[in-house]
Amino acid sequence: MDAVVSAQTLRAFAPAPHARPVAETRLLVVRVASREVHEAPRSTLAELFDERDVLVVNDAATLPASIFGETERGEPFELRLLALPDASRAADAVVLGAGDYRTPTERRAPPPALREGDWLIVSDLEATVVASRGARRVRIRFERQVDDVIASLYRAGRSVQYAHVRAPLALWDVQNVYASEPWAAEMPSAGRPIDFATLDALRKRGVTVARVTHGAGLSSIGDAALDASLPWVERYRVPIETERALRGARRVVAVGTSVVRALESSAMKFGEVRAEESTTNLRIDARHTLRAVRGLLTGMHDATTSHRDLLGAFAPEALLEEASAWAASRGFLGHEFGDSCLIIPS
């Protein structure tokens, strides 16, 4: 492996500045046993899997989680919803101050102080703060019927976006081709390189594509202490079809860190992955012993993130540093529209 740049120097991958076509995605392959690192054409992704392999995707669709409003005192804010309102019309959210995605989250104005009982106008909806968990986390309850609230959110809301992506994103820009129920606050972006042609190629090779639904949360809030506490408790569902597929698998490869957290949470609870709907606050790093997953398709993660910590469960730190330096020196891009990395045992 000819790493030419120190991983200590390259602390971060440059972000992809726009929603690139899937065909432009590059693929880094890391084979742990042989310590081999190389680039493969994205179009050949399916060829890296064999019959009886199971590839598990997160089929959560991305919400229009970014909505704007003001307090009864006229103070503007942005809410970033962590999930759609439940049957009681309540939803958990993060509050940001005035501005929009064009200002980096860490430079946004402080949010207005929201207290229990405060009345809000969010889009064209009335809502009340029913719980405040510090300066930036709230639970609100909308006044209309839940179906009306969700319809309004889809009319007025937009996808959560960060300043490195310059043009405004449409909701369809942040959906995987197999997206199903709207559970994700942000796109489970590890699945972007899996297009319909790849799904067909996997099927023809005898590879099973199984699903979990995991409510992927926010990747950044702009507050250093809160960002360090991510990921928070998130909901997941493992269907019975996935439980059955994993029982006979030769090798299980997760598409995205959210899939790893769901499958490992279930396996830790039952000794194996079982069909269930539950929540998890599991944070995985090099100390974690993998019980369900043996490989991972993921994005290019910066060295200081919790996503990068998770990779330590799949490969030794020295190999991850060498692979990151190799990729960064060749211009691989990071963040949600960046390039991909496949870590497999051999």
Protein backbone atom coordinates (compact mmCIF):
# COMPACT_ATOMS: atom_id res chain seq x y z
CA MET A 1 0.00 0.00 0.00
CA ASP A 2 1.61 3.27 -1.09
CA ALA A 3 0.17 5.77 1.38
CA VAL A 4 1.83 9.08 0.57
CA VAL A 5 0.11 11.40 3.03
CA SER A 6 -0.02 11.02 6.80
CA ALA A 7 -3.45 10.31 8.22
CA GLN A 8 -2.60 12.78 10.97
CA THR A 9 -2.27 15.49 8.32
CA LEU A 10 -5.44 14.55 6.49
CA ARG A 11 -7.98 14.91 9.29
CA ALA A 12 -10.92 15.35 6.92
CA PHE A 13 -12.07 14.46 3.42
CA ALA A 14 -13.13 17.35 1.23
CA PRO A 15 -16.93 17.33 0.96
CA ALA A 16 -18.71 16.75 -2.32
CA PRO A 17 -20.17 20.20 -3.11
CA HIS A 18 -23.31 18.98 -4.86
CA ALA A 19 -25.55 15.95 -5.34
CA ARG A 20 -23.33 14.13 -7.81
CA PRO A 21 -24.73 11.45 -10.11
CA VAL A 22 -24.31 7.97 -8.65
CA ALA A 23 -22.15 7.04 -11.65
CA GLU A 24 -19.49 9.49 -10.41
CA THR A 25 -19.12 7.78 -7.04
CA ARG A 26 -15.72 6.20 -6.45
CA LEU A 27 -15.27 3.00 -4.45
CA LEU A 28 -12.41 2.24 -2.07
CA VAL A 29 -12.05 -1.45 -1.16
CA VAL A 30 -10.29 -2.45 2.06
CA ARG A 31 -9.58 -6.17 2.55
CA VAL A 32 -8.70 -6.64 6.19
CA ALA A 33 -7.00 -10.05 6.16
CA SER A 34 -4.60 -9.18 3.33
CA ARG A 35 -4.37 -5.45 4.22
CA GLU A 36 -5.11 -4.74 0.56
CA VAL A 37 -6.43 -1.29 -0.34
CA HIS A 38 -7.45 -0.43 -3.88
CA GLU A 39 -10.02 1.46 -5.93
CA ALA A 40 -12.65 -0.50 -7.84
CA PRO A 41 -15.15 0.84 -10.39
CA ARG A 42 -18.46 1.52 -8.66
CA SER A 43 -20.21 -0.34 -11.46
CA THR A 44 -18.44 -3.54 -10.35
CA LEU A 45 -19.67 -3.35 -6.74
CA ALA A 46 -21.84 -6.45 -7.12
CA GLU A 47 -18.82 -8.47 -8.28
CA LEU A 48 -17.28 -8.12 -4.82
CA PHE A 49 -20.04 -10.33 -3.37
CA ASP A 50 -20.77 -14.03 -3.76
CA GLU A 51 -23.74 -16.34 -3.53
CA ARG A 52 -25.10 -16.63 0.02
CA ASP A 53 -23.75 -13.22 0.97
CA VAL A 54 -26.42 -10.97 2.48
CA LEU A 55 -26.26 -7.23 1.94
CA VAL A 56 -28.44 -5.35 4.45
CA VAL A 57 -29.69 -1.88 3.56
CA ASN A 58 -31.51 0.77 5.58
CA ASP A 59 -34.72 1.42 3.67
CA ALA A 60 -35.78 4.45 5.72
CA ALA A 61 -36.87 7.32 3.49
CA THR A 62 -35.58 10.80 4.29
CA LEU A 63 -37.95 13.27 5.91
CA PRO A 64 -38.57 16.91 5.00
CA ALA A 65 -37.11 17.48 8.45
CA SER A 66 -36.09 21.14 8.10
CA ILE A 67 -38.94 23.56 8.81
CA PHE A 68 -38.95 27.23 9.76
CA GLY A 69 -41.04 29.21 12.19
CA GLU A 70 -41.14 31.90 14.83
CA THR A 71 -42.08 32.25 18.46
CA GLU A 72 -45.03 34.29 19.69
CA ARG A 73 -42.43 37.00 20.37
CA GLY A 74 -41.51 37.04 16.67
CA GLU A 75 -38.12 35.31 17.06
CA PRO A 76 -37.19 33.25 13.96
CA PHE A 77 -35.82 29.72 14.17
CA GLU A 78 -35.33 26.52 12.24
CA LEU A 79 -36.56 23.19 13.56
CA ARG A 80 -34.90 19.99 12.46
CA LEU A 81 -37.27 17.15 13.23
CA LEU A 82 -35.89 13.84 14.47
CA ALA A 83 -39.04 12.00 13.35
CA LEU A 84 -42.52 12.67 12.03
CA PRO A 85 -45.18 13.55 14.62
CA ASP A 86 -46.62 10.53 16.41
CA ALA A 87 -50.29 9.74 16.97
CA SER A 88 -50.44 12.38 19.70
CA ARG A 89 -49.15 14.99 17.16
CA ALA A 90 -45.87 15.36 19.08
CA ALA A 91 -42.37 15.31 17.65
CA ASP A 92 -38.82 15.72 18.95
CA ALA A 93 -36.67 18.34 17.26
CA VAL A 94 -33.48 20.36 17.40
CA VAL A 95 -33.69 24.16 17.33
CA LEU A 96 -31.31 26.38 15.35
CA GLY A 97 -31.30 30.15 15.27
CA ALA A 98 -32.06 32.51 12.41
CA GLY A 99 -30.58 31.67 9.01
CA ASP A 100 -30.54 28.65 6.74
CA TYR A 101 -28.23 25.94 5.44
CA ARG A 102 -25.95 28.43 3.68
CA THR A 103 -24.47 29.34 7.06
CA PRO A 104 -22.53 26.45 8.68
CA THR A 105 -24.39 25.10 11.67
CA GLU A 106 -21.59 26.03 14.08
CA ARG A 107 -21.86 29.67 12.94
CA ARG A 108 -25.62 29.99 13.15
CA ALA A 109 -27.15 32.49 15.54
CA PRO A 110 -28.16 31.01 18.91
CA PRO A 111 -31.72 29.71 18.95
CA PRO A 112 -34.42 31.52 20.89
CA ALA A 113 -34.95 30.22 24.41
CA LEU A 114 -37.93 27.88 24.18
CA ARG A 115 -39.71 26.88 27.37
CA GLU A 116 -42.47 24.44 28.13
CA GLY A 117 -45.79 26.02 27.21
CA ASP A 118 -44.39 28.38 24.57
CA TRP A 119 -46.64 28.83 21.54
CA LEU A 120 -45.04 28.62 18.07
CA ILE A 121 -45.93 29.10 14.44
CA VAL A 122 -44.11 26.47 12.39
CA SER A 123 -44.71 26.85 8.66
CA ASP A 124 -48.47 27.41 8.65
CA LEU A 125 -48.99 25.26 11.74
CA GLU A 126 -49.58 26.17 15.35
CA ALA A 127 -47.61 24.20 17.92
CA THR A 128 -46.77 24.22 21.61
CA VAL A 129 -43.52 23.31 23.36
CA VAL A 130 -44.34 20.39 25.65
CA ALA A 131 -40.78 19.69 26.84
CA SER A 132 -37.44 21.48 26.71
CA ARG A 133 -34.21 19.52 27.01
CA GLY A 134 -31.61 22.28 27.12
CA ALA A 135 -31.14 25.16 24.73
CA ARG A 136 -31.41 23.19 21.48
CA ARG A 137 -33.63 20.13 22.08
CA VAL A 138 -37.40 20.35 22.35
CA ARG A 139 -40.53 18.29 22.01
CA ILE A 140 -43.45 20.07 20.39
CA ARG A 141 -47.10 19.21 19.83
CA PHE A 142 -48.95 20.43 16.76
CA GLU A 143 -52.54 21.64 17.04
CA ARG A 144 -54.01 20.06 13.91
CA GLN A 145 -54.81 16.43 13.19
CA VAL A 146 -51.71 14.38 12.52
CA ASP A 147 -52.54 13.69 8.85
CA ASP A 148 -52.93 17.43 8.22
CA VAL A 149 -49.65 18.12 10.01
CA ILE A 150 -47.72 15.59 7.96
CA ALA A 151 -49.23 16.88 4.70
CA SER A 152 -48.22 20.42 5.66
CA LEU A 153 -44.69 19.33 6.54
CA TYR A 154 -44.29 17.72 3.13
CA ARG A 155 -45.55 20.89 1.44
CA ALA A 156 -43.38 23.35 3.38
CA GLY A 157 -40.47 21.33 4.75
CA ARG A 158 -37.22 20.54 3.02
CA SER A 159 -34.41 18.09 3.60
CA VAL A 160 -31.75 18.90 6.18
CA GLN A 161 -28.84 20.45 4.35
CA TYR A 162 -25.36 21.68 5.24
CA ALA A 163 -23.33 24.56 3.88
CA HIS A 164 -20.85 22.47 1.87
CA VAL A 165 -23.66 21.59 -0.58
CA ARG A 166 -24.16 24.87 -2.40
CA ALA A 167 -27.39 24.44 -4.36
CA PRO A 168 -30.68 23.79 -2.52
CA LEU A 169 -31.59 20.12 -2.38
CA ALA A 170 -34.96 18.71 -3.35
CA LEU A 171 -36.36 15.88 -1.28
CA TRP A 172 -35.80 13.40 -4.10
CA ASP A 173 -32.08 14.25 -4.07
CA VAL A 174 -31.75 12.54 -0.68
CA GLN A 175 -33.64 9.28 -1.23
CA ASN A 176 -32.11 5.89 -1.90
CA VAL A 177 -33.68 3.88 -4.72
CA TYR A 178 -35.11 1.36 -2.23
CA ALA A 179 -36.41 3.98 0.26
CA SER A 180 -39.66 3.06 1.98
CA GLU A 181 -41.07 4.50 5.22
CA PRO A 182 -40.12 8.10 6.17
CA TRP A 183 -38.09 7.51 9.33
CA ALA A 184 -34.74 9.21 8.66
CA ALA A 185 -33.92 12.79 9.68
CA GLU A 186 -31.03 12.66 7.23
CA MET A 187 -30.37 10.42 4.27
CA PRO A 188 -28.84 7.01 5.03
CA SER A 189 -26.29 8.03 2.44
CA ALA A 190 -24.14 4.88 2.42
CA GLY A 191 -26.78 3.42 0.09
CA ARG A 192 -26.35 6.02 -2.66
CA PRO A 193 -24.06 3.89 -4.87
CA ILE A 194 -26.62 1.08 -4.94
CA ASP A 195 -28.74 1.86 -7.97
CA PHE A 196 -31.24 -0.37 -9.78
CA ALA A 197 -28.54 -1.84 -12.01
CA THR A 198 -26.50 -2.83 -8.95
CA LEU A 199 -29.53 -4.41 -7.29
CA ASP A 200 -30.14 -6.45 -10.44
CA ALA A 201 -26.50 -7.50 -10.64
CA LEU A 202 -26.54 -8.59 -6.99
CA ARG A 203 -29.68 -10.68 -7.59
CA LYS A 204 -28.09 -12.40 -10.59
CA ARG A 205 -25.06 -13.33 -8.45
CA GLY A 206 -27.30 -14.95 -5.84
CA VAL A 207 -26.73 -12.22 -3.26
CA THR A 208 -29.67 -11.50 -0.97
CA VAL A 209 -30.50 -7.84 -0.33
CA ALA A 210 -32.26 -7.64 3.03
CA ARG A 211 -33.69 -4.60 4.80
CA VAL A 212 -33.89 -2.91 8.15
CA THR A 213 -35.62 0.39 8.79
CA HIS A 214 -33.56 2.66 11.03
CA GLY A 215 -34.40 6.26 11.86
CA ALA A 216 -31.01 7.75 11.07
CA GLY A 217 -30.57 10.96 13.05
CA LEU A 218 -28.79 14.26 12.54
CA SER A 219 -25.05 14.26 11.85
CA SER A 220 -24.39 17.75 13.22
CA ILE A 221 -26.20 20.33 15.30
CA GLY A 222 -23.57 23.06 15.55
CA ASP A 223 -23.02 22.73 19.29
CA ALA A 224 -19.76 20.96 20.10
CA ALA A 225 -21.04 19.23 23.25
CA LEU A 226 -24.21 17.98 21.59
CA ASP A 227 -22.35 16.90 18.46
CA ALA A 228 -20.00 14.86 20.64
CA SER A 229 -23.01 13.06 22.14
CA LEU A 230 -24.31 11.83 18.79
CA PRO A 231 -25.81 9.44 17.81
CA TRP A 232 -28.83 9.70 20.10
CA VAL A 233 -31.50 7.09 20.71
CA GLU A 234 -32.92 5.98 17.37
CA ARG A 235 -35.73 3.65 16.37
CA TYR A 236 -35.17 0.57 14.22
CA ARG A 237 -37.15 -2.33 12.83
CA VAL A 238 -35.84 -5.73 11.75
CA PRO A 239 -38.44 -7.62 9.65
CA ILE A 240 -38.88 -11.37 9.87
CA GLU A 241 -37.59 -11.77 6.30
CA THR A 242 -34.26 -10.26 7.34
CA GLU A 243 -34.01 -12.49 10.41
CA ARG A 244 -34.48 -15.52 8.15
CA ALA A 245 -32.01 -14.30 5.52
CA LEU A 246 -29.26 -13.76 8.09
CA ARG A 247 -29.57 -17.28 9.51
CA GLY A 248 -28.26 -18.86 6.33
CA ALA A 249 -25.81 -16.15 5.35
CA ARG A 250 -22.20 -16.85 4.44
CA ARG A 251 -21.28 -13.23 5.11
CA VAL A 252 -23.38 -10.28 6.27
CA VAL A 253 -22.39 -6.85 4.96
CA ALA A 254 -24.14 -3.75 6.28
CA VAL A 255 -24.82 -0.74 4.08
CA GLY A 256 -24.22 2.14 6.45
CA THR A 257 -23.46 2.59 10.12
CA SER A 258 -27.17 2.78 10.97
CA VAL A 259 -27.59 -0.82 9.78
CA VAL A 260 -24.65 -1.91 11.92
CA ARG A 261 -26.20 -0.30 15.01
CA ALA A 262 -29.59 -1.93 14.37
CA LEU A 263 -28.27 -5.44 13.72
CA GLU A 264 -25.69 -5.37 16.49
CA SER A 265 -28.25 -4.03 18.97
CA SER A 266 -30.59 -6.90 18.18
CA ALA A 267 -27.80 -9.49 18.32
CA MET A 268 -26.57 -8.19 21.67
CA LYS A 269 -30.07 -8.51 23.08
CA PHE A 270 -30.94 -11.99 21.79
CA GLY A 271 -27.61 -13.61 20.91
CA GLU A 272 -28.59 -13.40 17.23
CA VAL A 273 -30.55 -10.99 15.07
CA ARG A 274 -34.28 -11.32 15.68
CA ALA A 275 -37.28 -9.67 14.07
CA GLU A 276 -38.25 -6.77 16.32
CA GLU A 277 -39.03 -3.07 16.53
CA SER A 278 -37.05 -1.28 19.20
CA THR A 279 -34.69 1.62 19.91
CA THR A 280 -30.94 1.80 20.36
CA ASN A 281 -28.37 4.16 21.80
CA LEU A 282 -25.52 1.79 20.97
CA ARG A 283 -22.24 3.50 20.17
CA ILE A 284 -19.75 1.21 18.47
CA ASP A 285 -15.97 1.53 18.37
CA ALA A 286 -12.88 -0.69 18.29
CA ARG A 287 -13.80 -2.23 21.67
CA HIS A 288 -17.02 -3.69 20.28
CA THR A 289 -17.09 -7.37 19.30
CA LEU A 290 -19.19 -7.80 16.17
CA ARG A 291 -21.92 -10.40 16.53
CA ALA A 292 -23.99 -10.03 13.36
CA VAL A 293 -22.07 -8.08 10.73
CA ARG A 294 -18.77 -8.91 9.03
CA GLY A 295 -18.43 -6.21 6.39
CA LEU A 296 -19.48 -2.62 5.83
CA LEU A 297 -20.22 -0.35 2.88
CA THR A 298 -19.98 3.22 4.11
CA GLY A 299 -18.92 6.74 3.21
CA MET A 300 -15.55 8.40 3.67
CA HIS A 301 -15.59 9.46 7.31
CA ASP A 302 -13.44 12.10 8.98
CA ALA A 303 -11.11 10.86 11.71
CA THR A 304 -12.90 12.69 14.54
CA THR A 305 -16.48 11.45 13.94
CA SER A 306 -18.50 8.74 15.67
CA HIS A 307 -19.01 7.11 12.25
CA ARG A 308 -15.23 6.78 11.94
CA ASP A 309 -15.03 5.33 15.47
CA LEU A 310 -17.44 2.59 14.37
CA LEU A 311 -15.07 1.47 11.62
CA GLY A 312 -12.65 0.39 14.34
CA ALA A 313 -14.88 -2.64 14.98
CA PHE A 314 -14.18 -3.83 11.41
CA ALA A 315 -10.47 -3.17 10.90
CA PRO A 316 -7.34 -2.29 12.90
CA GLU A 317 -6.73 1.42 13.41
CA ALA A 318 -3.42 1.35 11.56
CA LEU A 319 -5.08 -0.10 8.46
CA LEU A 320 -7.90 2.44 8.63
CA GLU A 321 -5.41 5.29 8.86
CA GLU A 322 -3.41 3.97 5.91
CA ALA A 323 -6.55 3.49 3.84
CA SER A 324 -7.82 6.98 4.69
CA ALA A 325 -4.51 8.57 3.75
CA TRP A 326 -4.37 6.58 0.51
CA ALA A 327 -7.89 7.67 -0.45
CA ALA A 328 -7.49 11.30 0.58
CA SER A 329 -4.25 11.61 -1.38
CA ARG A 330 -6.18 10.51 -4.47
CA GLY A 331 -9.01 12.98 -4.06
CA PHE A 332 -11.77 10.84 -2.60
CA LEU A 333 -14.62 13.01 -1.31
CA GLY A 334 -16.54 12.82 1.94
CA HIS A 335 -19.94 13.68 3.41
CA GLU A 336 -23.34 12.56 2.14
CA PHE A 337 -22.64 12.90 -1.59
CA GLY A 338 -19.05 11.74 -1.35
CA ASP A 339 -17.35 8.48 -2.23
CA SER A 340 -17.73 5.01 -0.76
CA CYS A 341 -15.61 2.53 1.16
CA LEU A 342 -16.21 -1.22 1.34
CA ILE A 343 -14.51 -2.96 4.28
CA ILE A 344 -14.59 -6.76 4.01
CA PRO A 345 -12.71 -9.46 5.91
CA SER A 346 -10.96 -10.93 2.88
